């Protein structure tokens, strides 16, 4: 299973290690940067548009941006984390970005950024480069979950991926955003994978 930027990595397992992979779940996963018929940035909130727009310019310009954002996030506290994400939070995601979940998000950001932005930058650069495998090679079931109100990874990504993969089981949910998928849908997502595993027995 891969969520958000983890989607391509999960798909790579299905395409390149199909003998060890029974099924793949992609939850709000990004599509390929230069894919025909997909405008990668269209429909993204302003923060993501700036971030992914900087990545093709190269490592140094991207790093300058991420270092600045890191400093702001680490200094801001929970409310500052919410504010920094405001442009990419759709109404459903804004509703869940409170209480324990908001604290968890802030703590996760701080932990991830404790030693710098190298991992963050590597991810962004990878998203704008060829994936290195053909989606048509996927011979295992793929369950794709996408919120139609996602401003981090817009629904066009999910629709493009669903059309690109033969036999993809697409769940396009009109009332979900990005964060709500993993908060509200884990049992359903895991049920898809469990059913695929049982069908192999």
N, C-alpha and C. Protein backbone atom coordinates (compact mmCIF):
# COMPACT_ATOMS: atom_id res chain seq x y z
N UNK A 1 0.84 -1.18 0.00
CA UNK A 1 0.00 0.00 0.00
C UNK A 1 0.88 1.24 0.00
N UNK A 2 0.51 2.19 -0.83
CA UNK A 2 1.21 3.46 -0.86
C UNK A 2 0.23 4.60 -0.87
N UNK A 3 0.47 5.59 -0.02
CA UNK A 3 -0.41 6.74 0.07
C UNK A 3 0.33 7.99 -0.38
N UNK A 4 -0.37 8.84 -1.12
CA UNK A 4 0.17 10.11 -1.57
C UNK A 4 1.44 9.88 -2.40
N UNK A 5 2.58 10.42 -1.96
CA UNK A 5 3.82 10.19 -2.68
C UNK A 5 4.31 8.76 -2.63
N UNK A 6 3.72 7.94 -1.75
CA UNK A 6 4.07 6.52 -1.69
C UNK A 6 3.39 5.69 -2.76
N UNK A 7 2.41 6.30 -3.45
CA UNK A 7 1.69 5.56 -4.47
C UNK A 7 2.58 4.98 -5.56
N UNK A 8 3.46 5.79 -6.18
CA UNK A 8 4.32 5.25 -7.22
C UNK A 8 5.23 4.12 -6.73
N UNK A 9 5.66 4.18 -5.48
CA UNK A 9 6.53 3.13 -4.93
C UNK A 9 5.76 1.81 -4.79
N UNK A 10 4.52 1.90 -4.36
CA UNK A 10 3.70 0.69 -4.26
C UNK A 10 3.44 0.11 -5.65
N UNK A 11 3.18 0.98 -6.62
CA UNK A 11 2.95 0.50 -7.99
C UNK A 11 4.22 -0.13 -8.56
N UNK A 12 5.38 0.41 -8.21
CA UNK A 12 6.64 -0.19 -8.67
C UNK A 12 6.78 -1.61 -8.15
N UNK A 13 6.38 -1.84 -6.90
CA UNK A 13 6.43 -3.20 -6.35
C UNK A 13 5.54 -4.13 -7.16
N UNK A 14 4.34 -3.66 -7.51
CA UNK A 14 3.44 -4.49 -8.29
C UNK A 14 3.95 -4.77 -9.69
N UNK A 15 4.63 -3.78 -10.29
CA UNK A 15 5.11 -3.94 -11.66
C UNK A 15 6.42 -4.72 -11.75
N UNK A 16 7.31 -4.52 -10.79
CA UNK A 16 8.66 -5.08 -10.88
C UNK A 16 8.90 -6.26 -9.96
N UNK A 17 8.03 -6.46 -8.99
CA UNK A 17 8.19 -7.59 -8.06
C UNK A 17 6.86 -8.33 -7.92
N UNK A 18 6.20 -8.51 -9.07
CA UNK A 18 4.88 -9.13 -9.06
C UNK A 18 4.86 -10.53 -8.50
N UNK A 19 6.01 -11.23 -8.53
CA UNK A 19 6.05 -12.58 -7.98
C UNK A 19 5.99 -12.56 -6.45
N UNK A 20 6.25 -11.41 -5.85
CA UNK A 20 6.20 -11.29 -4.39
C UNK A 20 5.10 -10.35 -3.91
N UNK A 21 4.31 -9.86 -4.84
CA UNK A 21 3.27 -8.88 -4.52
C UNK A 21 1.92 -9.43 -4.98
N UNK A 22 0.98 -9.55 -4.06
CA UNK A 22 -0.33 -10.12 -4.37
C UNK A 22 -1.28 -9.06 -4.90
N UNK A 23 -1.22 -7.85 -4.37
CA UNK A 23 -2.10 -6.76 -4.78
C UNK A 23 -1.49 -5.44 -4.33
N UNK A 24 -1.99 -4.37 -4.91
CA UNK A 24 -1.51 -3.03 -4.58
C UNK A 24 -2.70 -2.14 -4.26
N UNK A 25 -2.58 -1.37 -3.19
CA UNK A 25 -3.55 -0.31 -2.90
C UNK A 25 -2.83 1.03 -3.02
N UNK A 26 -3.40 1.92 -3.82
CA UNK A 26 -2.87 3.27 -3.97
C UNK A 26 -3.91 4.22 -3.40
N UNK A 27 -3.52 5.00 -2.42
CA UNK A 27 -4.44 5.90 -1.73
C UNK A 27 -4.00 7.34 -1.99
N UNK A 28 -4.78 8.06 -2.77
CA UNK A 28 -4.46 9.46 -3.08
C UNK A 28 -3.06 9.58 -3.67
N UNK A 29 -2.72 8.69 -4.57
CA UNK A 29 -1.37 8.64 -5.11
C UNK A 29 -1.14 9.57 -6.28
N UNK A 30 0.08 10.12 -6.37
CA UNK A 30 0.42 11.02 -7.47
C UNK A 30 0.60 10.23 -8.76
N UNK A 31 0.28 10.89 -9.88
CA UNK A 31 0.54 10.33 -11.19
C UNK A 31 1.90 10.75 -11.70
N UNK A 32 2.29 10.26 -12.88
CA UNK A 32 3.60 10.63 -13.44
C UNK A 32 3.64 12.09 -13.88
N UNK A 33 4.78 12.71 -13.67
CA UNK A 33 4.95 14.14 -13.94
C UNK A 33 4.65 14.50 -15.40
N UNK A 34 5.24 13.78 -16.33
CA UNK A 34 5.14 14.16 -17.74
C UNK A 34 4.15 13.30 -18.52
N UNK A 35 3.18 12.73 -17.84
CA UNK A 35 2.23 11.83 -18.49
C UNK A 35 1.36 12.58 -19.49
N UNK A 36 1.18 12.00 -20.67
CA UNK A 36 0.28 12.57 -21.66
C UNK A 36 -1.15 12.53 -21.12
N UNK A 37 -1.80 13.68 -21.14
CA UNK A 37 -3.18 13.74 -20.68
C UNK A 37 -3.34 14.07 -19.21
N UNK A 38 -2.24 14.30 -18.50
CA UNK A 38 -2.31 14.67 -17.09
C UNK A 38 -1.51 15.95 -16.86
N UNK A 39 -2.20 16.99 -16.42
CA UNK A 39 -1.52 18.22 -15.99
C UNK A 39 -1.24 18.05 -14.50
N UNK A 40 0.00 17.76 -14.16
CA UNK A 40 0.38 17.38 -12.80
C UNK A 40 -0.04 18.43 -11.77
N UNK A 41 0.11 19.70 -12.10
CA UNK A 41 -0.13 20.76 -11.12
C UNK A 41 -1.57 21.24 -11.08
N UNK A 42 -2.35 20.96 -12.10
CA UNK A 42 -3.71 21.49 -12.19
C UNK A 42 -4.57 20.99 -11.03
N UNK A 43 -5.21 21.92 -10.35
CA UNK A 43 -6.10 21.56 -9.26
C UNK A 43 -5.42 21.44 -7.90
N UNK A 44 -4.11 21.60 -7.86
CA UNK A 44 -3.40 21.54 -6.57
C UNK A 44 -3.57 22.85 -5.82
N UNK A 45 -3.57 22.76 -4.49
CA UNK A 45 -3.54 23.97 -3.68
C UNK A 45 -2.23 24.71 -3.90
N UNK A 46 -2.22 25.99 -3.55
CA UNK A 46 -1.09 26.86 -3.87
C UNK A 46 0.23 26.34 -3.33
N UNK A 47 0.25 25.83 -2.10
CA UNK A 47 1.50 25.36 -1.52
C UNK A 47 2.13 24.24 -2.32
N UNK A 48 1.32 23.27 -2.72
CA UNK A 48 1.86 22.16 -3.50
C UNK A 48 2.25 22.61 -4.90
N UNK A 49 1.49 23.55 -5.45
CA UNK A 49 1.83 24.06 -6.78
C UNK A 49 3.20 24.73 -6.75
N UNK A 50 3.48 25.50 -5.70
CA UNK A 50 4.79 26.15 -5.57
C UNK A 50 5.88 25.10 -5.39
N UNK A 51 5.62 24.13 -4.50
CA UNK A 51 6.62 23.11 -4.19
C UNK A 51 6.99 22.28 -5.42
N UNK A 52 5.98 21.72 -6.07
CA UNK A 52 6.26 20.86 -7.22
C UNK A 52 6.66 21.67 -8.45
N UNK A 53 6.27 22.93 -8.48
CA UNK A 53 6.74 23.79 -9.55
C UNK A 53 8.22 24.10 -9.43
N UNK A 54 8.74 24.07 -8.20
CA UNK A 54 10.16 24.34 -7.98
C UNK A 54 11.03 23.13 -8.29
N UNK A 55 10.48 21.93 -8.15
CA UNK A 55 11.29 20.72 -8.30
C UNK A 55 11.96 20.59 -9.66
N UNK A 56 11.29 20.88 -10.78
CA UNK A 56 11.97 20.75 -12.08
C UNK A 56 13.10 21.73 -12.28
N UNK A 57 13.16 22.79 -11.46
CA UNK A 57 14.24 23.76 -11.58
C UNK A 57 15.57 23.23 -11.05
N UNK A 58 15.51 22.11 -10.32
CA UNK A 58 16.74 21.50 -9.83
C UNK A 58 16.82 21.44 -8.32
N UNK A 59 17.82 20.73 -7.84
CA UNK A 59 17.93 20.46 -6.41
C UNK A 59 18.16 21.72 -5.59
N UNK A 60 19.02 22.62 -6.05
CA UNK A 60 19.36 23.79 -5.24
C UNK A 60 18.18 24.75 -5.04
N UNK A 61 17.48 25.15 -6.13
CA UNK A 61 16.31 26.02 -5.91
C UNK A 61 15.25 25.38 -5.04
N UNK A 62 15.03 24.07 -5.23
CA UNK A 62 14.06 23.37 -4.41
C UNK A 62 14.50 23.35 -2.95
N UNK A 63 15.77 23.08 -2.74
CA UNK A 63 16.30 23.00 -1.37
C UNK A 63 16.15 24.33 -0.64
N UNK A 64 16.40 25.43 -1.33
CA UNK A 64 16.25 26.75 -0.71
C UNK A 64 14.82 26.94 -0.20
N UNK A 65 13.86 26.53 -1.01
CA UNK A 65 12.46 26.66 -0.62
C UNK A 65 12.14 25.78 0.58
N UNK A 66 12.57 24.53 0.53
CA UNK A 66 12.24 23.59 1.59
C UNK A 66 12.92 23.94 2.91
N UNK A 67 14.14 24.45 2.85
CA UNK A 67 14.83 24.89 4.07
C UNK A 67 14.05 26.02 4.74
N UNK A 68 13.57 26.95 3.94
CA UNK A 68 12.77 28.05 4.48
C UNK A 68 11.49 27.52 5.12
N UNK A 69 10.80 26.62 4.43
CA UNK A 69 9.56 26.06 4.97
C UNK A 69 9.83 25.24 6.23
N UNK A 70 10.95 24.53 6.24
CA UNK A 70 11.30 23.74 7.43
C UNK A 70 11.43 24.64 8.65
N UNK A 71 12.15 25.74 8.49
CA UNK A 71 12.34 26.67 9.61
C UNK A 71 11.00 27.20 10.11
N UNK A 72 10.10 27.51 9.18
CA UNK A 72 8.79 28.04 9.56
C UNK A 72 7.98 26.99 10.31
N UNK A 73 8.01 25.76 9.82
CA UNK A 73 7.22 24.68 10.44
C UNK A 73 7.74 24.39 11.85
N UNK A 74 9.06 24.27 12.01
CA UNK A 74 9.62 23.93 13.31
C UNK A 74 9.39 25.03 14.34
N UNK A 75 9.28 26.26 13.87
CA UNK A 75 9.09 27.38 14.80
C UNK A 75 7.62 27.68 15.08
N UNK A 76 6.73 27.08 14.31
CA UNK A 76 5.35 27.55 14.31
C UNK A 76 4.44 26.93 15.35
N UNK A 77 4.69 25.69 15.75
CA UNK A 77 3.74 25.01 16.63
C UNK A 77 2.58 24.44 15.85
N UNK A 78 1.65 23.82 16.58
CA UNK A 78 0.52 23.14 15.92
C UNK A 78 -0.29 24.07 15.04
N UNK A 79 -0.64 25.23 15.54
CA UNK A 79 -1.46 26.16 14.76
C UNK A 79 -0.71 26.61 13.52
N UNK A 80 0.60 26.79 13.66
CA UNK A 80 1.40 27.18 12.51
C UNK A 80 1.44 26.10 11.44
N UNK A 81 1.47 24.84 11.87
CA UNK A 81 1.43 23.74 10.90
C UNK A 81 0.12 23.78 10.13
N UNK A 82 -0.98 23.99 10.85
CA UNK A 82 -2.28 24.10 10.18
C UNK A 82 -2.26 25.25 9.18
N UNK A 83 -1.74 26.39 9.61
CA UNK A 83 -1.70 27.56 8.73
C UNK A 83 -0.84 27.29 7.50
N UNK A 84 0.28 26.60 7.69
CA UNK A 84 1.17 26.32 6.57
C UNK A 84 0.53 25.39 5.55
N UNK A 85 -0.42 24.59 5.99
CA UNK A 85 -1.11 23.64 5.10
C UNK A 85 -2.41 24.19 4.54
N UNK A 86 -2.80 25.37 4.96
CA UNK A 86 -4.14 25.89 4.67
C UNK A 86 -4.48 25.82 3.19
N UNK A 87 -3.54 26.16 2.32
CA UNK A 87 -3.85 26.24 0.89
C UNK A 87 -4.08 24.87 0.26
N UNK A 88 -3.68 23.80 0.95
CA UNK A 88 -3.86 22.46 0.38
C UNK A 88 -4.89 21.64 1.15
N UNK A 89 -5.58 22.28 2.08
CA UNK A 89 -6.60 21.57 2.85
C UNK A 89 -7.98 21.91 2.30
N UNK A 90 -8.62 20.93 1.71
CA UNK A 90 -10.00 21.10 1.26
C UNK A 90 -10.92 21.10 2.48
N UNK A 91 -12.18 21.50 2.34
CA UNK A 91 -13.08 21.51 3.51
C UNK A 91 -13.12 20.20 4.30
N UNK A 92 -13.19 19.02 3.67
CA UNK A 92 -13.18 17.79 4.48
C UNK A 92 -11.89 17.63 5.28
N UNK A 93 -10.76 18.03 4.69
CA UNK A 93 -9.48 17.90 5.40
C UNK A 93 -9.35 18.93 6.52
N UNK A 94 -9.89 20.12 6.31
CA UNK A 94 -9.86 21.13 7.37
C UNK A 94 -10.63 20.64 8.60
N UNK A 95 -11.72 19.93 8.37
CA UNK A 95 -12.55 19.46 9.49
C UNK A 95 -11.81 18.46 10.37
N UNK A 96 -10.91 17.66 9.78
CA UNK A 96 -10.22 16.63 10.58
C UNK A 96 -8.89 17.13 11.15
N UNK A 97 -8.45 18.29 10.69
CA UNK A 97 -7.16 18.82 11.13
C UNK A 97 -7.32 19.56 12.46
N UNK A 98 -7.74 18.81 13.47
CA UNK A 98 -7.98 19.37 14.80
C UNK A 98 -7.52 18.36 15.86
N UNK A 99 -7.45 18.82 17.10
CA UNK A 99 -7.23 17.94 18.24
C UNK A 99 -6.02 17.04 18.11
N UNK A 100 -6.23 15.76 18.46
CA UNK A 100 -5.14 14.79 18.47
C UNK A 100 -4.51 14.63 17.09
N UNK A 101 -5.33 14.67 16.05
CA UNK A 101 -4.78 14.48 14.71
C UNK A 101 -3.88 15.65 14.32
N UNK A 102 -4.29 16.86 14.65
CA UNK A 102 -3.45 18.03 14.36
C UNK A 102 -2.13 17.95 15.11
N UNK A 103 -2.18 17.52 16.37
CA UNK A 103 -0.95 17.35 17.15
C UNK A 103 -0.06 16.28 16.52
N UNK A 104 -0.68 15.18 16.11
CA UNK A 104 0.08 14.10 15.48
C UNK A 104 0.75 14.60 14.20
N UNK A 105 0.04 15.36 13.39
CA UNK A 105 0.62 15.89 12.15
C UNK A 105 1.81 16.79 12.45
N UNK A 106 1.65 17.68 13.42
CA UNK A 106 2.75 18.59 13.76
C UNK A 106 3.96 17.82 14.27
N UNK A 107 3.73 16.86 15.16
CA UNK A 107 4.83 16.05 15.69
C UNK A 107 5.51 15.25 14.58
N UNK A 108 4.72 14.73 13.65
CA UNK A 108 5.29 13.97 12.52
C UNK A 108 6.16 14.86 11.65
N UNK A 109 5.68 16.07 11.37
CA UNK A 109 6.46 17.01 10.58
C UNK A 109 7.78 17.32 11.27
N UNK A 110 7.70 17.61 12.56
CA UNK A 110 8.92 17.97 13.30
C UNK A 110 9.92 16.82 13.31
N UNK A 111 9.43 15.61 13.51
CA UNK A 111 10.30 14.44 13.52
C UNK A 111 10.94 14.23 12.15
N UNK A 112 10.13 14.34 11.10
CA UNK A 112 10.63 14.12 9.74
C UNK A 112 11.67 15.16 9.35
N UNK A 113 11.52 16.37 9.88
CA UNK A 113 12.41 17.47 9.48
C UNK A 113 13.53 17.73 10.46
N UNK A 114 13.61 16.90 11.49
CA UNK A 114 14.59 17.12 12.56
C UNK A 114 16.01 17.24 12.03
N UNK A 115 16.36 16.40 11.07
CA UNK A 115 17.73 16.37 10.56
C UNK A 115 17.89 17.02 9.19
N UNK A 116 16.91 17.81 8.78
CA UNK A 116 17.04 18.51 7.51
C UNK A 116 15.95 18.16 6.52
N UNK A 117 16.17 18.55 5.27
CA UNK A 117 15.14 18.41 4.23
C UNK A 117 15.55 17.45 3.13
N UNK A 118 16.61 16.67 3.34
CA UNK A 118 17.10 15.80 2.26
C UNK A 118 16.03 14.83 1.77
N UNK A 119 15.35 14.17 2.69
CA UNK A 119 14.32 13.21 2.29
C UNK A 119 13.17 13.87 1.57
N UNK A 120 12.74 15.00 2.09
CA UNK A 120 11.65 15.77 1.47
C UNK A 120 12.03 16.16 0.05
N UNK A 121 13.24 16.68 -0.11
CA UNK A 121 13.69 17.08 -1.43
C UNK A 121 13.83 15.91 -2.38
N UNK A 122 14.36 14.79 -1.90
CA UNK A 122 14.50 13.60 -2.75
C UNK A 122 13.15 13.14 -3.28
N UNK A 123 12.14 13.16 -2.41
CA UNK A 123 10.79 12.79 -2.83
C UNK A 123 10.29 13.70 -3.94
N UNK A 124 10.41 15.01 -3.73
CA UNK A 124 9.91 15.96 -4.72
C UNK A 124 10.61 15.80 -6.06
N UNK A 125 11.92 15.61 -6.02
CA UNK A 125 12.67 15.42 -7.27
C UNK A 125 12.25 14.13 -7.97
N UNK A 126 12.02 13.08 -7.19
CA UNK A 126 11.61 11.80 -7.78
C UNK A 126 10.26 11.92 -8.47
N UNK A 127 9.36 12.72 -7.92
CA UNK A 127 8.03 12.86 -8.52
C UNK A 127 8.09 13.47 -9.91
N UNK A 128 9.13 14.25 -10.19
CA UNK A 128 9.21 14.94 -11.48
C UNK A 128 10.09 14.21 -12.49
N UNK A 129 10.48 13.00 -12.16
CA UNK A 129 11.34 12.21 -13.05
C UNK A 129 10.62 10.94 -13.48
N UNK A 130 11.09 10.31 -14.57
CA UNK A 130 10.44 9.07 -15.03
C UNK A 130 10.43 8.01 -13.93
N UNK A 131 9.36 7.25 -13.90
CA UNK A 131 9.21 6.24 -12.85
C UNK A 131 10.08 5.01 -13.08
N UNK A 132 10.40 4.72 -14.32
CA UNK A 132 11.28 3.57 -14.59
C UNK A 132 10.56 2.25 -14.74
N UNK A 133 9.24 2.28 -14.87
CA UNK A 133 8.49 1.05 -15.14
C UNK A 133 7.21 1.42 -15.87
N UNK A 134 6.63 0.42 -16.52
CA UNK A 134 5.43 0.61 -17.33
C UNK A 134 4.21 0.17 -16.53
N UNK A 135 3.25 1.06 -16.37
CA UNK A 135 2.04 0.72 -15.63
C UNK A 135 1.30 -0.46 -16.26
N UNK A 136 1.46 -0.63 -17.56
CA UNK A 136 0.80 -1.74 -18.24
C UNK A 136 1.36 -3.09 -17.82
N UNK A 137 2.52 -3.09 -17.15
CA UNK A 137 3.13 -4.35 -16.70
C UNK A 137 2.50 -4.87 -15.42
N UNK A 138 1.66 -4.08 -14.80
CA UNK A 138 1.05 -4.52 -13.54
C UNK A 138 0.11 -5.69 -13.80
N UNK A 139 0.48 -6.83 -13.24
CA UNK A 139 -0.31 -8.04 -13.43
C UNK A 139 -1.04 -8.45 -12.16
N UNK A 140 -0.97 -7.62 -11.14
CA UNK A 140 -1.66 -7.89 -9.87
C UNK A 140 -2.82 -6.91 -9.74
N UNK A 141 -3.84 -7.25 -8.94
CA UNK A 141 -4.95 -6.31 -8.75
C UNK A 141 -4.47 -5.00 -8.13
N UNK A 142 -4.99 -3.91 -8.65
CA UNK A 142 -4.69 -2.59 -8.10
C UNK A 142 -5.99 -1.95 -7.63
N UNK A 143 -6.00 -1.54 -6.37
CA UNK A 143 -7.15 -0.86 -5.78
C UNK A 143 -6.76 0.59 -5.57
N UNK A 144 -7.43 1.47 -6.28
CA UNK A 144 -7.08 2.88 -6.25
C UNK A 144 -8.17 3.66 -5.51
N UNK A 145 -7.77 4.37 -4.48
CA UNK A 145 -8.67 5.16 -3.65
C UNK A 145 -8.32 6.63 -3.82
N UNK A 146 -9.31 7.45 -4.18
CA UNK A 146 -9.05 8.86 -4.45
C UNK A 146 -10.22 9.71 -3.98
N UNK A 147 -9.94 10.74 -3.21
CA UNK A 147 -10.97 11.70 -2.82
C UNK A 147 -11.14 12.76 -3.89
N UNK A 148 -12.37 13.04 -4.23
CA UNK A 148 -12.64 14.03 -5.27
C UNK A 148 -12.41 15.46 -4.78
N UNK A 149 -12.24 15.65 -3.47
CA UNK A 149 -11.99 16.99 -2.92
C UNK A 149 -10.55 17.15 -2.43
N UNK A 150 -9.66 16.45 -3.05
CA UNK A 150 -8.24 16.45 -2.66
C UNK A 150 -7.52 17.62 -3.33
N UNK A 151 -6.93 18.50 -2.53
CA UNK A 151 -6.14 19.61 -3.06
C UNK A 151 -4.64 19.33 -3.01
N UNK A 152 -4.25 18.23 -2.37
CA UNK A 152 -2.83 17.85 -2.33
C UNK A 152 -2.47 17.03 -3.57
N UNK A 153 -3.26 16.00 -3.82
CA UNK A 153 -3.13 15.21 -5.05
C UNK A 153 -4.51 15.24 -5.71
N UNK A 154 -4.71 16.12 -6.68
CA UNK A 154 -6.04 16.31 -7.25
C UNK A 154 -6.61 15.03 -7.87
N UNK A 155 -7.94 14.94 -7.95
CA UNK A 155 -8.57 13.73 -8.46
C UNK A 155 -8.18 13.38 -9.89
N UNK A 156 -7.71 14.35 -10.66
CA UNK A 156 -7.26 14.04 -12.02
C UNK A 156 -6.14 13.01 -12.01
N UNK A 157 -5.31 13.01 -10.97
CA UNK A 157 -4.24 12.02 -10.86
C UNK A 157 -4.84 10.62 -10.72
N UNK A 158 -5.82 10.48 -9.84
CA UNK A 158 -6.45 9.19 -9.64
C UNK A 158 -7.15 8.69 -10.89
N UNK A 159 -7.86 9.59 -11.57
CA UNK A 159 -8.57 9.18 -12.79
C UNK A 159 -7.57 8.76 -13.86
N UNK A 160 -6.47 9.51 -13.99
CA UNK A 160 -5.47 9.16 -15.00
C UNK A 160 -4.88 7.78 -14.70
N UNK A 161 -4.51 7.55 -13.45
CA UNK A 161 -3.93 6.26 -13.07
C UNK A 161 -4.92 5.12 -13.31
N UNK A 162 -6.17 5.34 -12.97
CA UNK A 162 -7.18 4.29 -13.15
C UNK A 162 -7.31 3.90 -14.61
N UNK A 163 -7.25 4.88 -15.50
CA UNK A 163 -7.37 4.60 -16.93
C UNK A 163 -6.11 3.96 -17.49
N UNK A 164 -4.97 4.23 -16.86
CA UNK A 164 -3.69 3.72 -17.38
C UNK A 164 -3.42 2.28 -17.00
N UNK A 165 -4.16 1.77 -16.02
CA UNK A 165 -3.88 0.42 -15.52
C UNK A 165 -5.03 -0.52 -15.84
N UNK A 166 -4.78 -1.52 -16.66
CA UNK A 166 -5.84 -2.46 -16.99
C UNK A 166 -6.33 -3.19 -15.75
N UNK A 167 -7.64 -3.24 -15.59
CA UNK A 167 -8.20 -3.97 -14.46
C UNK A 167 -8.12 -3.27 -13.13
N UNK A 168 -7.80 -1.97 -13.14
CA UNK A 168 -7.73 -1.22 -11.88
C UNK A 168 -9.12 -1.10 -11.26
N UNK A 169 -9.20 -1.31 -9.97
CA UNK A 169 -10.45 -1.14 -9.23
C UNK A 169 -10.42 0.25 -8.59
N UNK A 170 -11.10 1.20 -9.22
CA UNK A 170 -11.02 2.59 -8.77
C UNK A 170 -12.18 2.93 -7.84
N UNK A 171 -11.86 3.53 -6.72
CA UNK A 171 -12.85 4.04 -5.77
C UNK A 171 -12.66 5.56 -5.70
N UNK A 172 -13.48 6.29 -6.43
CA UNK A 172 -13.41 7.74 -6.47
C UNK A 172 -14.52 8.29 -5.59
N UNK A 173 -14.15 8.87 -4.47
CA UNK A 173 -15.12 9.20 -3.42
C UNK A 173 -15.39 10.70 -3.39
N UNK A 174 -16.64 11.09 -3.63
CA UNK A 174 -16.96 12.52 -3.81
C UNK A 174 -16.80 13.38 -2.57
N UNK A 175 -16.88 12.80 -1.39
CA UNK A 175 -16.88 13.60 -0.16
C UNK A 175 -15.55 13.58 0.59
N UNK A 176 -14.54 12.92 0.04
CA UNK A 176 -13.25 12.81 0.72
C UNK A 176 -12.23 13.76 0.14
N UNK A 177 -11.29 14.16 1.01
CA UNK A 177 -10.13 14.92 0.59
C UNK A 177 -8.91 14.03 0.57
N UNK A 178 -7.79 14.55 1.07
CA UNK A 178 -6.53 13.79 1.10
C UNK A 178 -6.35 13.11 2.46
N UNK A 179 -6.42 13.90 3.50
CA UNK A 179 -6.20 13.36 4.85
C UNK A 179 -7.33 12.43 5.27
N UNK A 180 -8.54 12.70 4.84
CA UNK A 180 -9.68 11.89 5.28
C UNK A 180 -9.61 10.47 4.78
N UNK A 181 -8.89 10.24 3.70
CA UNK A 181 -8.84 8.88 3.15
C UNK A 181 -8.23 7.90 4.15
N UNK A 182 -7.11 8.27 4.73
CA UNK A 182 -6.46 7.35 5.68
C UNK A 182 -7.07 7.41 7.07
N UNK A 183 -7.81 8.46 7.35
CA UNK A 183 -8.50 8.54 8.64
C UNK A 183 -9.81 7.76 8.62
N UNK A 184 -10.54 7.87 7.51
CA UNK A 184 -11.90 7.32 7.46
C UNK A 184 -12.01 6.00 6.71
N UNK A 185 -11.02 5.65 5.89
CA UNK A 185 -11.19 4.50 4.99
C UNK A 185 -10.24 3.33 5.21
N UNK A 186 -9.44 3.30 6.27
CA UNK A 186 -8.45 2.21 6.35
C UNK A 186 -9.06 0.82 6.36
N UNK A 187 -10.18 0.64 7.03
CA UNK A 187 -10.78 -0.70 7.09
C UNK A 187 -11.19 -1.17 5.70
N UNK A 188 -11.75 -0.25 4.90
CA UNK A 188 -12.18 -0.61 3.55
C UNK A 188 -10.98 -0.89 2.65
N UNK A 189 -9.95 -0.07 2.79
CA UNK A 189 -8.74 -0.27 1.97
C UNK A 189 -8.10 -1.61 2.29
N UNK A 190 -7.95 -1.91 3.57
CA UNK A 190 -7.34 -3.18 3.97
C UNK A 190 -8.22 -4.36 3.60
N UNK A 191 -9.54 -4.16 3.58
CA UNK A 191 -10.45 -5.23 3.16
C UNK A 191 -10.22 -5.60 1.70
N UNK A 192 -9.96 -4.61 0.86
CA UNK A 192 -9.62 -4.90 -0.54
C UNK A 192 -8.40 -5.80 -0.63
N UNK A 193 -7.35 -5.43 0.11
CA UNK A 193 -6.11 -6.20 0.06
C UNK A 193 -6.29 -7.60 0.64
N UNK A 194 -7.06 -7.69 1.72
CA UNK A 194 -7.30 -9.00 2.33
C UNK A 194 -8.07 -9.91 1.39
N UNK A 195 -9.04 -9.34 0.67
CA UNK A 195 -9.82 -10.13 -0.28
C UNK A 195 -8.93 -10.64 -1.41
N UNK A 196 -8.01 -9.78 -1.87
CA UNK A 196 -7.08 -10.21 -2.93
C UNK A 196 -6.18 -11.32 -2.43
N UNK A 197 -5.74 -11.23 -1.18
CA UNK A 197 -4.89 -12.27 -0.61
C UNK A 197 -5.65 -13.59 -0.49
N UNK A 198 -6.90 -13.52 -0.03
CA UNK A 198 -7.70 -14.75 0.10
C UNK A 198 -7.95 -15.40 -1.25
N UNK A 199 -8.10 -14.58 -2.28
CA UNK A 199 -8.39 -15.14 -3.61
C UNK A 199 -7.22 -15.91 -4.18
N UNK A 200 -6.02 -15.68 -3.63
CA UNK A 200 -4.83 -16.41 -4.10
C UNK A 200 -4.67 -17.75 -3.41
N UNK A 201 -5.39 -17.97 -2.31
CA UNK A 201 -5.25 -19.22 -1.55
C UNK A 201 -5.85 -20.40 -2.32
